Amino acid sequence: MQMKDRIAFVTGGGRGIGRAVCRELLSRGAAGVVIADLDGALAQATAAELGGLGLQCDVSNETAVRAAVAAAIAHYGRVDVLLSNAGFGSSELDLDDALAEPNDLWARMWQVHVMSHVYASRAVLPGMLERGEGYLVNVASAAGLLCQVGDAAYSATKHAAVGLAESLAITYGERGIRVSVVCPQYIATAITGLDEKLPADAPAGLLSVEQAATAIVDGLEREPFLILTHPEVLTYVQRKTADYDRWIGGMRRLREGLRKGAGFLKVRQ
């Protein structure tokens, strides 16, 4: 789908990858962007900076999501592209206890990483189906294809996000609805414990939000189901599925390396 003259609704759009994608969409001729963020002031500030509509929205609340989508449609007339991008990570990795994360964190991860995609898709799909065209884009993570060592809740919910996107693609693909899932690996954002500027000594594989946004919007224009900011992730997935036991063994060795302080690998995918 070419982005020229399109209207995009972006959750988590106030900062990080979401903001960078909004900027990239506008640079490619998008007619408008809706910047929805839990931080309403940040959404408004980003909208003022880039041009667009800024809305406060808690994506874990279906009523709030429906209200934000209704406001977007009232303002622009339609939503062509949903980029369901909002997400968060737990503050620390626990390499010794996969079940240590409290139930309320598991519940919050489920709401933000899975149900937010459900809520947003429910809200935009009727108009898309009526027009016979639309694009649902769920942002998951490389952890949804591989695993984030030390963060079981993050990995499990990101896997679920990938599965949900598969179901959407299977169900709606023949009705004019494109569906993609974005699975970034290492990006310089708050979720990886970094700011949005690459450090001078950035290791190979760490991308800026601008680099990630370019890869994502390039993907939107090609329309593959799986959009990867780091193409090598596909090779890792192929190795994983070719020999699952070998992959588990390798991840155990990675965990041991992390326990011994293997630097950059501590950041989240």
Protein backbone atom coordinates (compact mmCIF):
# COMPACT_ATOMS: atom_id res chain seq x y z
CA MET A 1 0.00 0.00 0.00
CA GLN A 2 1.42 3.35 -0.99
CA MET A 3 1.25 5.84 1.86
CA LYS A 4 0.41 8.89 -0.26
CA ASP A 5 -2.95 10.41 0.79
CA ARG A 6 -3.49 7.75 3.47
CA ILE A 7 -4.79 8.35 7.00
CA ALA A 8 -2.90 6.44 9.70
CA PHE A 9 -3.89 5.81 13.31
CA VAL A 10 -0.78 5.13 15.41
CA THR A 11 -0.91 4.00 19.03
CA GLY A 12 2.09 4.75 21.21
CA GLY A 13 2.72 7.53 18.71
CA GLY A 14 4.01 10.14 21.13
CA ARG A 15 7.58 8.90 21.21
CA GLY A 16 9.98 6.25 20.01
CA ILE A 17 9.17 4.07 17.04
CA GLY A 18 5.59 5.36 16.87
CA ARG A 19 6.62 8.99 16.52
CA ALA A 20 9.33 8.13 14.00
CA VAL A 21 6.84 6.14 11.90
CA CYS A 22 4.41 9.08 11.94
CA ARG A 23 7.19 11.33 10.68
CA GLU A 24 8.12 8.82 7.97
CA LEU A 25 4.50 8.40 6.85
CA LEU A 26 4.11 12.15 6.46
CA SER A 27 7.35 12.37 4.50
CA ARG A 28 5.88 9.86 2.04
CA GLY A 29 2.74 11.88 1.49
CA ALA A 30 0.30 10.58 4.08
CA ALA A 31 -2.70 12.90 4.29
CA GLY A 32 -2.87 12.68 8.06
CA VAL A 33 -1.68 10.89 11.16
CA VAL A 34 -3.52 10.30 14.41
CA ILE A 35 -1.10 10.16 17.31
CA ALA A 36 -2.70 8.22 20.16
CA ASP A 37 -0.73 7.88 23.37
CA LEU A 38 -1.33 7.14 27.05
CA ASP A 39 0.40 10.45 27.74
CA GLY A 40 -2.08 12.93 26.29
CA ALA A 41 0.23 15.92 26.61
CA LEU A 42 2.94 14.06 24.72
CA ALA A 43 0.45 13.09 22.00
CA GLN A 44 -0.58 16.72 21.63
CA ALA A 45 3.02 17.93 21.55
CA THR A 46 3.99 15.37 18.91
CA ALA A 47 0.93 16.27 16.85
CA ALA A 48 1.87 19.95 17.05
CA GLU A 49 5.44 19.12 15.99
CA LEU A 50 4.57 16.85 13.07
CA GLY A 51 1.10 18.00 12.11
CA GLY A 52 -1.76 15.67 12.89
CA LEU A 53 -4.33 14.86 15.54
CA GLY A 54 -3.09 14.09 19.04
CA LEU A 55 -5.29 12.02 21.35
CA GLN A 56 -4.92 10.64 24.85
CA CYS A 57 -5.73 6.93 24.78
CA ASP A 58 -5.22 4.02 27.16
CA VAL A 59 -5.00 1.14 24.69
CA SER A 60 -5.80 -1.39 27.41
CA ASN A 61 -9.32 0.08 27.66
CA GLU A 62 -11.64 -0.82 24.79
CA THR A 63 -14.00 2.10 25.45
CA ALA A 64 -11.07 4.51 25.26
CA VAL A 65 -9.81 2.94 22.04
CA ARG A 66 -13.24 3.13 20.39
CA ALA A 67 -13.57 6.77 21.43
CA ALA A 68 -10.16 7.63 19.99
CA VAL A 69 -10.93 5.89 16.69
CA ALA A 70 -14.29 7.67 16.53
CA ALA A 71 -12.52 11.01 17.08
CA ALA A 72 -10.04 10.16 14.33
CA ILE A 73 -12.83 9.32 11.88
CA ALA A 74 -14.72 12.47 12.83
CA HIS A 75 -11.58 14.50 12.10
CA TYR A 76 -10.25 12.78 8.96
CA GLY A 77 -13.25 10.82 7.69
CA ARG A 78 -11.62 7.40 7.78
CA VAL A 79 -8.65 5.31 8.94
CA ASP A 80 -6.69 3.59 6.17
CA VAL A 81 -3.80 2.22 8.22
CA LEU A 82 -3.86 1.08 11.85
CA LEU A 83 -0.39 0.86 13.37
CA SER A 84 -1.08 -0.75 16.76
CA ASN A 85 2.30 0.02 18.24
CA ALA A 86 1.94 0.70 21.99
CA GLY A 87 3.94 -1.55 24.28
CA PHE A 88 6.14 -1.65 27.36
CA GLY A 89 8.72 -3.80 29.08
CA SER A 90 9.27 -4.79 32.70
CA SER A 91 12.00 -2.89 34.49
CA GLU A 92 14.40 -5.79 35.01
CA LEU A 93 15.13 -9.17 33.52
CA ASP A 94 15.00 -12.15 35.88
CA LEU A 95 17.34 -14.81 34.56
CA ASP A 96 16.71 -17.24 37.43
CA ASP A 97 12.94 -17.35 37.76
CA ALA A 98 10.68 -17.30 34.70
CA LEU A 99 7.60 -17.13 36.94
CA ALA A 100 8.71 -14.32 39.23
CA GLU A 101 6.80 -11.54 37.49
CA PRO A 102 3.64 -10.69 39.48
CA ASN A 103 0.17 -11.44 38.19
CA ASP A 104 -0.70 -7.77 37.73
CA LEU A 105 2.27 -7.35 35.37
CA TRP A 106 1.18 -10.42 33.38
CA ALA A 107 -2.33 -8.98 33.15
CA ARG A 108 -1.09 -5.55 32.07
CA MET A 109 1.20 -7.10 29.44
CA TRP A 110 -1.73 -9.14 28.10
CA GLN A 111 -3.94 -6.07 27.87
CA VAL A 112 -1.34 -3.86 26.18
CA HIS A 113 0.41 -6.41 23.96
CA VAL A 114 -2.59 -8.47 22.87
CA MET A 115 -5.99 -7.00 23.70
CA SER A 116 -5.01 -3.52 22.53
CA HIS A 117 -4.62 -5.00 19.02
CA VAL A 118 -8.03 -6.65 19.37
CA TYR A 119 -9.68 -3.43 20.52
CA ALA A 120 -8.13 -1.25 17.83
CA SER A 121 -8.87 -3.74 15.05
CA ARG A 122 -12.49 -4.05 16.18
CA ALA A 123 -12.83 -0.28 16.06
CA VAL A 124 -11.37 0.32 12.58
CA LEU A 125 -12.47 -2.85 10.76
CA PRO A 126 -16.11 -1.92 10.05
CA GLY A 127 -15.12 1.11 8.01
CA MET A 128 -12.34 -0.76 6.25
CA LEU A 129 -14.61 -3.65 5.33
CA GLU A 130 -17.27 -1.26 4.09
CA ARG A 131 -14.71 0.40 1.80
CA GLY A 132 -13.19 -2.96 0.85
CA GLU A 133 -9.70 -1.78 1.80
CA GLY A 134 -7.56 -1.22 4.86
CA TYR A 135 -4.33 -2.19 6.59
CA LEU A 136 -4.00 -3.66 10.08
CA VAL A 137 -0.44 -3.55 11.39
CA ASN A 138 0.39 -5.03 14.80
CA VAL A 139 3.77 -4.22 16.29
CA ALA A 140 5.03 -7.24 18.21
CA SER A 141 8.74 -7.98 18.69
CA ALA A 142 11.48 -10.36 17.68
CA ALA A 143 10.70 -11.79 21.13
CA GLY A 144 7.39 -12.90 19.62
CA LEU A 145 9.24 -15.11 17.17
CA LEU A 146 12.23 -16.06 19.31
CA CYS A 147 12.31 -15.32 23.05
CA GLN A 148 13.35 -12.57 25.45
CA VAL A 149 15.49 -14.38 27.97
CA GLY A 150 14.54 -13.35 31.49
CA ASP A 151 11.13 -11.87 30.64
CA ALA A 152 8.54 -14.61 30.22
CA ALA A 153 5.53 -12.27 30.30
CA TYR A 154 6.94 -10.10 27.53
CA SER A 155 7.83 -13.10 25.35
CA ALA A 156 4.51 -14.89 25.88
CA THR A 157 2.38 -11.86 25.08
CA LYS A 158 4.45 -10.93 22.05
CA HIS A 159 4.06 -14.50 20.76
CA ALA A 160 0.31 -14.08 21.23
CA ALA A 161 0.39 -10.83 19.25
CA VAL A 162 1.98 -12.66 16.32
CA GLY A 163 -0.67 -15.38 16.53
CA LEU A 164 -3.45 -12.80 16.57
CA ALA A 165 -2.03 -11.13 13.46
CA GLU A 166 -1.96 -14.50 11.70
CA SER A 167 -5.65 -15.01 12.51
CA LEU A 168 -6.53 -11.55 11.22
CA ALA A 169 -4.61 -12.17 7.98
CA ILE A 170 -6.32 -15.52 7.43
CA THR A 171 -9.80 -14.18 8.21
CA TYR A 172 -9.81 -10.85 6.39
CA GLY A 173 -7.16 -11.16 3.68
CA GLU A 174 -9.65 -12.01 0.93
CA ARG A 175 -11.85 -9.05 1.86
CA GLY A 176 -9.37 -6.34 0.96
CA ILE A 177 -7.71 -6.08 4.36
CA ARG A 178 -3.94 -6.22 4.42
CA VAL A 179 -2.38 -7.48 7.67
CA SER A 180 1.22 -7.32 8.81
CA VAL A 181 3.05 -7.92 12.06
CA VAL A 182 6.21 -5.97 12.81
CA CYS A 183 8.86 -7.78 14.85
CA PRO A 184 11.70 -5.39 15.71
CA GLN A 185 14.86 -6.51 17.41
CA TYR A 186 17.23 -3.98 19.04
CA ILE A 187 16.04 -0.36 18.69
CA ALA A 188 17.29 2.63 20.68
CA THR A 189 14.14 3.38 22.69
CA ALA A 190 13.09 3.60 26.32
CA ILE A 191 11.93 -0.02 26.21
CA THR A 192 15.54 -1.12 25.69
CA GLY A 193 16.76 1.22 28.43
CA LEU A 194 18.17 3.71 25.92
CA ASP A 195 17.15 7.11 24.66
CA GLU A 196 16.35 7.70 21.00
CA LYS A 197 19.86 8.69 19.97
CA LEU A 198 22.34 5.98 19.11
CA PRO A 199 25.31 6.01 21.49
CA ALA A 200 28.70 6.69 19.91
CA ASP A 201 29.77 3.14 20.70
CA ALA A 202 26.52 1.54 19.48
CA PRO A 203 27.04 -2.16 18.78
CA ALA A 204 26.15 -3.66 15.43
CA GLY A 205 22.47 -4.45 15.26
CA LEU A 206 21.25 -1.52 17.34
CA LEU A 207 19.09 0.74 15.15
CA SER A 208 17.84 4.26 15.68
CA VAL A 209 14.09 4.85 15.68
CA GLU A 210 14.48 6.59 12.33
CA GLN A 211 16.15 3.53 10.80
CA ALA A 212 13.42 1.33 12.24
CA ALA A 213 10.69 3.61 10.89
CA THR A 214 12.17 3.53 7.40
CA ALA A 215 12.25 -0.28 7.47
CA ILE A 216 8.68 -0.45 8.76
CA VAL A 217 7.19 1.93 6.20
CA ASP A 218 9.19 0.25 3.42
CA GLY A 219 7.47 -2.93 4.61
CA LEU A 220 4.04 -1.31 4.56
CA GLU A 221 4.56 -0.40 0.93
CA ARG A 222 5.55 -4.01 0.08
CA GLU A 223 2.79 -5.59 2.24
CA PRO A 224 4.50 -8.78 3.48
CA PHE A 225 2.88 -10.38 6.50
CA LEU A 226 6.14 -10.31 8.47
CA ILE A 227 7.96 -6.98 8.60
CA LEU A 228 11.44 -7.18 10.10
CA THR A 229 13.64 -4.23 10.99
CA HIS A 230 16.46 -6.78 11.31
CA PRO A 231 16.29 -9.24 8.36
CA GLU A 232 18.61 -11.68 10.16
CA VAL A 233 15.77 -12.51 12.55
CA LEU A 234 14.23 -14.63 9.79
CA THR A 235 17.40 -16.76 9.71
CA TYR A 236 17.20 -17.22 13.48
CA VAL A 237 13.57 -18.31 13.21
CA GLN A 238 14.42 -20.79 10.47
CA ARG A 239 17.19 -22.28 12.61
CA LYS A 240 14.83 -22.45 15.58
CA THR A 241 12.12 -24.33 13.72
CA ALA A 242 14.60 -26.61 11.96
CA ASP A 243 15.88 -27.98 15.28
CA TYR A 244 13.97 -26.77 18.31
CA ASP A 245 16.03 -28.73 20.85
CA ARG A 246 19.28 -27.30 19.52
CA TRP A 247 17.79 -23.81 19.68
CA ILE A 248 16.70 -24.30 23.31
CA GLY A 249 20.24 -25.41 24.13
CA GLY A 250 21.66 -22.32 22.51
CA MET A 251 19.27 -20.09 24.44
CA ARG A 252 20.33 -21.75 27.67
CA ARG A 253 23.93 -20.87 26.87
CA LEU A 254 22.81 -17.31 26.10
CA ARG A 255 21.12 -17.14 29.49
CA GLU A 256 24.36 -18.20 31.17
CA GLY A 257 26.22 -15.52 29.24
CA LEU A 258 23.73 -12.93 30.41
CA ARG A 259 24.10 -14.06 34.01
CA LYS A 260 27.82 -13.42 33.69
CA GLY A 261 27.18 -9.90 32.43
CA ALA A 262 27.39 -10.11 28.65
CA GLY A 263 26.69 -6.42 28.17
CA PHE A 264 24.47 -5.37 25.30
CA LEU A 265 22.56 -8.63 25.17
CA LYS A 266 20.73 -7.49 28.29
CA VAL A 267 18.58 -5.10 26.29
CA ARG A 268 15.15 -6.23 25.19
CA GLN A 269 14.24 -7.23 21.65
